[in-house]
Amino acid sequence: MSRKTMDCREAPSESNCSLTITGEEDEVMRAAVEHAVSVHGEKDGPELREMIRVSLKDEGASEGAAMRNPGMDSRPGMQ
């Protein structure tokens, strides 16, 4: 199984969160959902999990993406 990465810098956020989570997909999903709920005040549910799942990248694929796309806050997202 390939390692996945979730980078909070790629999601719209009022807090400008810089957390990056890397690991096996199930580990990243579990940690990312917990982070979204506890830090960003999101409600756990199918929509949140799908939003996180589609944002996962193969390890190494998302490095620097937030710096290349600093205005990625046009879609609704986390606080």
Foldseek 3Di string as FASTA:
>chain_A
DFKKKAACLLEAEPVNDGDMDIDHPVVCLVVVQVCLCPPQVDDDDDVVSVVRVVRIDGPPPCPCVCVVCVPNNPDDGTD
